[in-house]
Amino acid sequence: MVAIQRRNPIVTVLIAVFSLAVILSAHFASPMSPLSNLGMMLQNCDLDAELLTTSDLESWHIVDSTIPAKILWQKAERVQRPVTHIGSPNTGFVASKGMILYWQEGGGDSCDIHPIVVALDKNTGVEKWRYRPQDLVTEIFAVSDGFVLLNVLGVVKLNWQGQVVWKQGSIEDIPFRAFNTMHEQAGILYFSAWFGGATYKLASDTGNLIGSEAIGDVMSLFDNFALLKVGETRLQLVDSSKNNKIHYTIDLSKDLFKNGYLNSLYPVAIKHRDTLFLFYESKRVEVYDFNTGQALWQLEKPIYGIPAFSSDDLLILYSRESGLELYRARTGELLGNVKLVRDSSSQNTSDQMTLFSVWIAADENTVYIRQRDYLELLAIEIDLSTIEQ
């Protein structure tokens, strides 16, 4: 009988690794190898090359407007594929300090594999600067001295010139992937986590972790107040300066949550002056007095994206039927609309356009629109002097 010798497992692993190395070496050496081609492309890349992020466009026109308005500029984004955005629908597109800031995916050429954060001049649409993060950006916030970018691995702060002020990536201490909202107050950035019920405080000048506090399931933060989710259909505003004393409670309509988990992400809560707005995307707007919780008005109609506010205390919504609609923020009075149409012959259309998705931002009397289905950007100047105060 021949004795069967069992090979040492460590030797087996070493042989397997050596064999794999030989195969990969031959594969890379082959001039037809995809891996070889990719390696050569990346080796020859100049990541500092000035690649255009947008191009001029003439697809959009104003066809019906009850308020005087004109298109200042319109741009097509260079990367023509749907943008993957997993953050709140109001924080991927911001207007501040004479510019608008957004991010687009990498692609379109072999060198540009990382996402790009782009700042455009608000008056011309010309690129001012760009920043290349190493990961997808889930949220963009404008703060008093720059911008804050958030992703699942950390937080980055940029100044107005697009230069990095600091990076915070202590994933062992901070659950970045759970952050769902941010608020700036007195030199501190407050981030709330959508699970765990905690709020984390970072120093705005250094990014250092100051501490954390367990409050509850936070929807939004407003100075000394936090808006909490209580159960499935109830909100409570608590005063964090008074040991989280309940200020008031708002009971939401159960029929808005009948579709389950997706709608549990809504509403998005925004405070504008002394008014609290709850936005249910494509469903409803509810408006409350922030100080008392008293219901002021509501709007039942499909809206898209999260509305913006002008400097004249006007609420600006975007609907598919009427385009931009202007309301008095406090009373809900409809003041007029600016309707836009797009040429059907335009070639700048995503092959995977399945949703009507629009982001808007406003700065003084100009409204900025990012049509995410078409991957196009517009700036519309509205003559607010014609609106009676």
Protein backbone atom coordinates (compact mmCIF):
# COMPACT_ATOMS: atom_id res chain seq x y z
CA MET A 1 0.00 0.00 0.00
CA VAL A 2 1.30 3.39 -0.94
CA ALA A 3 1.12 5.91 1.86
CA ILE A 4 -0.62 9.15 0.95
CA GLN A 5 1.35 12.19 2.05
CA ARG A 6 -0.70 15.22 3.02
CA ARG A 7 0.76 18.56 1.94
CA ASN A 8 1.25 21.20 4.56
CA PRO A 9 -1.63 23.76 4.20
CA ILE A 10 0.80 26.66 4.38
CA VAL A 11 2.77 25.25 1.44
CA THR A 12 -0.46 24.87 -0.53
CA VAL A 13 -1.36 28.51 0.03
CA LEU A 14 2.14 29.69 -0.99
CA ILE A 15 1.97 27.66 -4.22
CA ALA A 16 -1.47 29.12 -5.02
CA VAL A 17 -0.30 32.67 -4.42
CA PHE A 18 2.82 32.14 -6.57
CA SER A 19 0.72 30.70 -9.41
CA LEU A 20 -1.72 33.62 -9.28
CA ALA A 21 1.17 36.08 -9.39
CA VAL A 22 2.58 34.41 -12.52
CA ILE A 23 -0.83 34.55 -14.23
CA LEU A 24 -1.40 38.21 -13.38
CA SER A 25 2.11 39.12 -14.47
CA ALA A 26 1.52 37.55 -17.86
CA HIS A 27 -1.90 39.17 -18.09
CA PHE A 28 -0.54 42.67 -17.42
CA ALA A 29 2.32 42.07 -19.87
CA SER A 30 -0.05 41.26 -22.70
CA PRO A 31 -0.63 44.33 -24.92
CA MET A 32 -4.28 43.29 -25.35
CA SER A 33 -4.94 42.90 -21.65
CA PRO A 34 -7.74 45.12 -20.22
CA LEU A 35 -5.84 45.37 -16.96
CA SER A 36 -2.71 46.38 -18.83
CA ASN A 37 -4.62 49.02 -20.77
CA LEU A 38 -6.18 50.39 -17.58
CA GLY A 39 -2.79 50.53 -15.90
CA MET A 40 -1.30 52.41 -18.85
CA MET A 41 -4.21 54.88 -18.95
CA LEU A 42 -3.95 55.70 -15.27
CA GLN A 43 -0.17 55.96 -15.49
CA ASN A 44 -0.47 58.49 -18.32
CA CYS A 45 -3.24 60.51 -16.63
CA ASP A 46 -2.78 64.11 -15.65
CA LEU A 47 -5.33 64.54 -12.87
CA ASP A 48 -4.68 68.29 -12.84
CA ALA A 49 -5.67 68.69 -16.47
CA GLU A 50 -8.34 71.36 -16.93
CA LEU A 51 -11.20 69.27 -18.28
CA LEU A 52 -14.42 71.15 -18.93
CA THR A 53 -17.20 70.30 -16.50
CA THR A 54 -19.96 72.05 -18.47
CA SER A 55 -20.73 73.33 -21.97
CA ASP A 56 -23.04 76.07 -23.22
CA LEU A 57 -26.62 75.15 -23.96
CA GLU A 58 -29.69 76.70 -25.64
CA SER A 59 -32.34 74.07 -24.91
CA TRP A 60 -34.52 75.88 -22.37
CA HIS A 61 -36.97 78.74 -23.00
CA ILE A 62 -39.49 80.70 -20.95
CA VAL A 63 -42.88 80.33 -22.61
CA ASP A 64 -45.33 81.54 -19.99
CA SER A 65 -44.56 83.84 -17.11
CA THR A 66 -46.84 85.95 -14.96
CA ILE A 67 -43.72 87.53 -13.43
CA PRO A 68 -40.98 89.15 -15.59
CA ALA A 69 -38.03 86.75 -15.81
CA LYS A 70 -35.13 85.85 -18.09
CA ILE A 71 -32.64 83.01 -18.44
CA LEU A 72 -29.17 84.29 -17.52
CA TRP A 73 -27.33 81.14 -18.65
CA GLN A 74 -27.79 77.42 -19.16
CA LYS A 75 -25.21 74.67 -19.20
CA ALA A 76 -24.97 70.99 -20.04
CA GLU A 77 -22.95 68.87 -17.65
CA ARG A 78 -20.03 67.07 -19.27
CA VAL A 79 -20.64 63.67 -17.68
CA GLN A 80 -23.81 62.40 -19.32
CA ARG A 81 -25.16 59.77 -16.97
CA PRO A 82 -27.54 59.88 -14.00
CA VAL A 83 -26.03 61.24 -10.80
CA THR A 84 -26.09 58.87 -7.85
CA HIS A 85 -27.04 60.90 -4.81
CA ILE A 86 -27.93 59.22 -1.52
CA GLY A 87 -28.29 62.27 0.65
CA SER A 88 -31.23 64.56 1.35
CA PRO A 89 -32.70 66.08 -1.82
CA ASN A 90 -31.92 69.65 -0.73
CA THR A 91 -28.22 69.36 0.00
CA GLY A 92 -26.58 68.46 -3.29
CA PHE A 93 -26.90 71.93 -4.78
CA VAL A 94 -26.28 75.17 -2.87
CA ALA A 95 -25.96 78.89 -3.72
CA SER A 96 -23.77 81.10 -1.55
CA LYS A 97 -21.16 83.86 -1.76
CA GLY A 98 -21.64 84.63 -5.45
CA MET A 99 -21.41 81.00 -6.61
CA ILE A 100 -23.34 77.78 -6.86
CA LEU A 101 -21.79 74.52 -5.75
CA TYR A 102 -22.71 71.01 -6.86
CA TRP A 103 -20.99 67.68 -7.48
CA GLN A 104 -20.97 65.40 -10.47
CA GLU A 105 -19.71 61.87 -10.93
CA GLY A 106 -16.38 61.10 -12.55
CA GLY A 107 -16.31 59.55 -15.99
CA GLY A 108 -16.36 60.67 -19.56
CA ASP A 109 -12.62 60.06 -19.94
CA SER A 110 -10.10 57.60 -18.55
CA CYS A 111 -8.38 60.12 -16.28
CA ASP A 112 -11.44 61.47 -14.53
CA ILE A 113 -12.49 58.55 -12.32
CA HIS A 114 -13.21 60.49 -9.13
CA PRO A 115 -16.25 62.68 -8.47
CA ILE A 116 -15.78 66.42 -8.89
CA VAL A 117 -17.21 69.21 -6.74
CA VAL A 118 -17.70 72.21 -9.02
CA ALA A 119 -18.21 75.90 -8.17
CA LEU A 120 -19.78 78.07 -10.89
CA ASP A 121 -20.06 81.85 -11.00
CA LYS A 122 -23.70 82.60 -10.26
CA ASN A 123 -23.95 85.37 -12.89
CA THR A 124 -22.21 83.64 -15.81
CA GLY A 125 -22.14 79.91 -15.09
CA VAL A 126 -18.38 79.92 -15.68
CA GLU A 127 -16.38 77.53 -13.51
CA LYS A 128 -14.55 79.23 -10.63
CA TRP A 129 -12.87 76.18 -9.12
CA ARG A 130 -13.19 72.46 -8.58
CA TYR A 131 -12.31 69.99 -5.87
CA ARG A 132 -11.76 66.26 -6.26
CA PRO A 133 -12.91 64.23 -3.24
CA GLN A 134 -11.85 60.61 -2.98
CA ASP A 135 -15.39 59.35 -2.37
CA LEU A 136 -18.94 60.11 -3.41
CA VAL A 137 -20.35 63.26 -1.82
CA THR A 138 -23.64 62.68 -0.02
CA GLU A 139 -24.27 66.20 1.29
CA ILE A 140 -23.09 69.76 0.58
CA PHE A 141 -23.71 72.54 3.12
CA ALA A 142 -22.93 76.26 2.90
CA VAL A 143 -21.54 77.70 6.15
CA SER A 144 -20.46 81.18 7.20
CA ASP A 145 -16.91 80.87 5.89
CA GLY A 146 -17.05 78.19 3.22
CA PHE A 147 -18.60 74.84 2.41
CA VAL A 148 -18.85 71.50 4.20
CA LEU A 149 -18.84 68.23 2.24
CA LEU A 150 -20.07 65.02 3.81
CA ASN A 151 -19.69 61.40 2.78
CA VAL A 152 -19.85 58.04 4.54
CA LEU A 153 -16.16 58.20 5.49
CA GLY A 154 -15.80 61.72 6.81
CA VAL A 155 -16.30 65.48 6.59
CA VAL A 156 -14.27 67.98 4.55
CA LYS A 157 -14.42 71.76 4.92
CA LEU A 158 -13.49 74.03 2.01
CA ASN A 159 -13.00 77.80 2.02
CA TRP A 160 -14.57 80.12 -0.55
CA GLN A 161 -11.65 79.45 -2.93
CA GLY A 162 -12.13 75.67 -2.84
CA GLN A 163 -9.06 75.02 -0.68
CA VAL A 164 -9.23 72.35 2.03
CA VAL A 165 -9.42 73.85 5.53
CA TRP A 166 -9.57 70.49 7.29
CA LYS A 167 -10.60 66.86 6.98
CA GLN A 168 -12.21 64.80 9.72
CA GLY A 169 -12.24 61.02 9.22
CA SER A 170 -12.30 59.43 12.67
CA ILE A 171 -14.77 56.70 11.74
CA GLU A 172 -14.04 54.88 15.00
CA ASP A 173 -15.55 57.77 17.00
CA ILE A 174 -18.00 59.36 14.55
CA PRO A 175 -20.71 57.53 12.53
CA PHE A 176 -20.43 59.65 9.38
CA ARG A 177 -22.59 57.29 7.33
CA ALA A 178 -25.48 57.96 9.72
CA PHE A 179 -25.38 61.78 9.49
CA ASN A 180 -28.56 63.22 8.03
CA THR A 181 -28.49 66.94 8.83
CA MET A 182 -26.13 69.72 9.91
CA HIS A 183 -26.53 73.06 11.66
CA GLU A 184 -23.93 75.78 12.27
CA GLN A 185 -24.03 77.88 15.42
CA ALA A 186 -21.39 79.95 17.22
CA GLY A 187 -18.39 78.28 15.60
CA ILE A 188 -19.68 74.74 16.04
CA LEU A 189 -21.00 72.33 13.40
CA TYR A 190 -23.77 70.12 14.78
CA PHE A 191 -24.40 66.82 12.97
CA SER A 192 -27.30 64.56 13.85
CA ALA A 193 -27.28 60.81 13.19
CA TRP A 194 -30.40 59.12 11.84
CA PHE A 195 -29.80 56.12 14.11
CA GLY A 196 -28.44 56.09 17.63
CA GLY A 197 -30.18 59.33 18.60
CA ALA A 198 -26.99 61.35 19.05
CA THR A 199 -25.78 64.76 17.90
CA TYR A 200 -22.06 65.25 17.23
CA LYS A 201 -20.26 68.60 17.56
CA LEU A 202 -17.22 69.53 15.46
CA ALA A 203 -15.23 72.75 15.78
CA SER A 204 -15.85 74.76 12.61
CA ASP A 205 -12.28 76.11 12.48
CA THR A 206 -10.39 72.85 13.07
CA GLY A 207 -12.82 69.96 12.54
CA ASN A 208 -11.93 68.51 15.93
CA LEU A 209 -14.61 66.48 17.71
CA ILE A 210 -15.86 68.49 20.68
CA GLY A 211 -18.30 65.90 21.95
CA SER A 212 -21.66 64.22 21.40
CA GLU A 213 -25.04 64.25 23.10
CA ALA A 214 -27.89 61.75 23.04
CA ILE A 215 -31.07 63.66 22.18
CA GLY A 216 -33.32 61.31 20.22
CA ASP A 217 -34.23 60.64 16.61
CA VAL A 218 -33.32 64.07 15.21
CA MET A 219 -34.91 65.27 11.98
CA SER A 220 -33.44 68.80 11.99
CA LEU A 221 -31.48 71.18 14.22
CA PHE A 222 -32.24 74.89 14.66
CA ASP A 223 -29.99 76.85 17.04
CA ASN A 224 -31.06 75.70 20.53
CA PHE A 225 -33.92 73.57 19.22
CA ALA A 226 -34.10 70.07 17.78
CA LEU A 227 -37.01 68.60 15.83
CA LEU A 228 -37.40 64.95 16.84
CA LYS A 229 -39.27 62.04 15.30
CA VAL A 230 -41.44 60.35 17.91
CA GLY A 231 -42.96 57.11 16.68
CA GLU A 232 -44.02 56.93 13.04
CA THR A 233 -46.15 60.05 12.57
CA ARG A 234 -45.31 62.50 15.36
CA LEU A 235 -42.76 65.31 15.64
CA GLN A 236 -41.63 67.15 18.76
CA LEU A 237 -39.68 70.37 18.97
CA VAL A 238 -37.44 70.30 22.06
CA ASP A 239 -35.33 73.05 23.59
CA SER A 240 -31.80 71.68 24.07
CA SER A 241 -30.87 74.67 26.26
CA LYS A 242 -33.55 73.60 28.75
CA ASN A 243 -32.68 69.92 29.14
CA ASN A 244 -34.62 69.02 25.96
CA LYS A 245 -37.90 70.35 27.27
CA ILE A 246 -40.75 69.71 24.82
CA HIS A 247 -41.78 72.99 23.17
CA TYR A 248 -44.68 71.56 21.16
CA THR A 249 -45.84 68.44 19.27
CA ILE A 250 -47.00 68.09 15.66
CA ASP A 251 -49.08 65.07 14.62
CA LEU A 252 -48.61 64.20 10.95
CA SER A 253 -51.22 62.74 8.64
CA LYS A 254 -50.93 58.94 8.52
CA ASP A 255 -52.02 58.71 4.89
CA LEU A 256 -48.72 60.32 3.81
CA PHE A 257 -46.83 57.28 5.11
CA LYS A 258 -48.96 54.52 3.65
CA ASN A 259 -46.24 53.46 1.18
CA GLY A 260 -43.94 52.37 3.97
CA TYR A 261 -40.23 52.91 4.35
CA LEU A 262 -39.58 55.24 1.40
CA ASN A 263 -41.93 57.89 2.70
CA SER A 264 -40.53 57.56 6.19
CA LEU A 265 -37.59 59.60 4.86
CA TYR A 266 -39.96 62.54 4.47
CA PRO A 267 -40.88 65.21 5.29
CA VAL A 268 -37.78 67.36 5.09
CA ALA A 269 -37.96 70.14 7.69
CA ILE A 270 -36.60 73.65 7.03
CA LYS A 271 -36.82 76.73 9.23
CA HIS A 272 -37.08 80.08 7.46
CA ARG A 273 -37.15 83.05 9.83
CA ASP A 274 -40.05 82.33 12.21
CA THR A 275 -41.72 79.70 10.02
CA LEU A 276 -41.29 75.92 9.92
CA PHE A 277 -41.78 74.13 6.59
CA LEU A 278 -42.34 70.40 6.15
CA PHE A 279 -41.82 69.26 2.56
CA TYR A 280 -43.16 65.91 1.36
CA GLU A 281 -41.55 65.59 -2.06
CA SER A 282 -44.15 65.13 -4.84
CA LYS A 283 -46.95 65.25 -2.26
CA ARG A 284 -47.50 68.20 0.07
CA VAL A 285 -46.13 71.28 1.81
CA GLU A 286 -47.13 71.99 5.42
CA VAL A 287 -46.28 75.28 7.10
CA TYR A 288 -46.26 76.05 10.84
CA ASP A 289 -45.43 78.94 13.12
CA PHE A 290 -42.03 77.96 14.48
CA ASN A 291 -42.58 79.53 17.90
CA THR A 292 -46.00 78.02 18.64
CA GLY A 293 -46.41 75.04 16.32
CA GLN A 294 -49.68 76.49 14.98
CA ALA A 295 -50.55 75.34 11.44
CA LEU A 296 -50.51 78.29 9.01
CA TRP A 297 -51.20 76.81 5.58
CA GLN A 298 -50.60 73.79 3.40
CA LEU A 299 -50.34 73.01 -0.30
CA GLU A 300 -51.53 69.75 -1.84
CA LYS A 301 -49.79 69.29 -5.19
CA PRO A 302 -46.84 67.44 -6.72
CA ILE A 303 -43.63 69.40 -6.18
CA TYR A 304 -40.12 68.24 -7.03
CA GLY A 305 -36.92 68.88 -5.18
CA ILE A 306 -36.81 70.92 -2.02
CA PRO A 307 -38.07 74.52 -2.35
CA ALA A 308 -35.85 77.57 -1.95
CA PHE A 309 -36.34 81.03 -0.46
CA SER A 310 -35.60 84.44 -1.93
CA SER A 311 -34.30 87.42 0.03
CA ASP A 312 -37.79 88.96 -0.09
CA ASP A 313 -39.29 86.21 2.08
CA LEU A 314 -40.71 84.36 -0.92
CA LEU A 315 -41.04 80.59 -1.13
CA ILE A 316 -40.05 79.17 -4.53
CA LEU A 317 -41.37 75.77 -5.60
CA TYR A 318 -40.87 73.75 -8.76
CA SER A 319 -43.78 71.83 -10.26
CA ARG A 320 -43.86 69.85 -13.48
CA GLU A 321 -46.95 71.63 -14.75
CA SER A 322 -46.20 75.28 -13.91
CA GLY A 323 -42.42 75.45 -13.55
CA LEU A 324 -41.26 77.89 -10.89
CA GLU A 325 -44.01 79.08 -8.55
CA LEU A 326 -43.60 81.95 -6.08
CA TYR A 327 -45.54 82.09 -2.80
CA ARG A 328 -45.49 84.35 0.22
CA ALA A 329 -43.70 82.20 2.74
CA ARG A 330 -45.85 83.15 5.71
CA THR A 331 -49.32 83.13 4.16
CA GLY A 332 -49.09 80.80 1.16
CA GLU A 333 -50.42 83.42 -1.27
CA LEU A 334 -49.53 82.45 -4.86
CA LEU A 335 -47.86 85.44 -6.55
CA GLY A 336 -47.05 84.03 -9.97
CA ASN A 337 -45.07 81.50 -11.95
CA VAL A 338 -42.31 81.16 -14.55
CA LYS A 339 -42.86 78.22 -16.90
CA LEU A 340 -39.98 76.61 -18.77
CA VAL A 341 -39.97 74.32 -21.81
CA ARG A 342 -37.13 72.31 -23.27
CA ASP A 343 -36.51 71.69 -26.96
CA SER A 344 -37.43 68.13 -27.86
CA SER A 345 -34.57 68.07 -30.37
CA SER A 346 -31.93 68.53 -27.67
CA GLN A 347 -29.40 65.70 -27.65
CA ASN A 348 -28.31 66.24 -24.07
CA THR A 349 -30.57 63.61 -22.57
CA SER A 350 -29.72 60.73 -20.26
CA ASP A 351 -30.33 57.29 -21.72
CA GLN A 352 -31.67 56.21 -18.34
CA MET A 353 -34.04 59.10 -17.65
CA THR A 354 -36.83 57.55 -15.59
CA LEU A 355 -37.61 60.09 -12.87
CA PHE A 356 -38.55 63.75 -12.82
CA SER A 357 -35.84 65.03 -10.51
CA VAL A 358 -35.05 68.69 -9.98
CA TRP A 359 -32.91 70.56 -7.45
CA ILE A 360 -33.30 74.30 -6.97
CA ALA A 361 -31.42 76.96 -5.03
CA ALA A 362 -31.92 80.73 -4.75
CA ASP A 363 -29.75 83.74 -4.06
CA GLU A 364 -31.44 87.17 -3.89
CA ASN A 365 -33.51 87.46 -7.11
CA THR A 366 -31.93 84.56 -9.04
CA VAL A 367 -33.11 80.95 -9.02
CA TYR A 368 -30.77 78.13 -10.02
CA ILE A 369 -32.13 74.86 -11.34
CA ARG A 370 -30.34 71.56 -11.76
CA GLN A 371 -32.33 69.25 -14.01
CA ARG A 372 -30.91 65.93 -12.87
CA ASP A 373 -32.74 63.87 -15.49
CA TYR A 374 -31.21 65.92 -18.31
CA LEU A 375 -28.02 66.81 -16.40
CA GLU A 376 -28.44 70.49 -17.21
CA LEU A 377 -28.09 73.70 -15.17
CA LEU A 378 -30.01 76.96 -15.52
CA ALA A 379 -29.97 80.37 -13.88
CA ILE A 380 -33.18 82.43 -14.03
CA GLU A 381 -33.36 86.06 -12.95
CA ILE A 382 -36.76 87.11 -11.64
CA ASP A 383 -37.89 90.73 -11.43
CA LEU A 384 -39.20 90.84 -7.86
CA SER A 385 -39.89 94.59 -8.05
CA THR A 386 -43.20 93.85 -9.77
CA ILE A 387 -44.48 91.94 -6.76
CA GLU A 388 -46.48 94.04 -4.31
CA GLN A 389 -45.01 93.98 -0.83
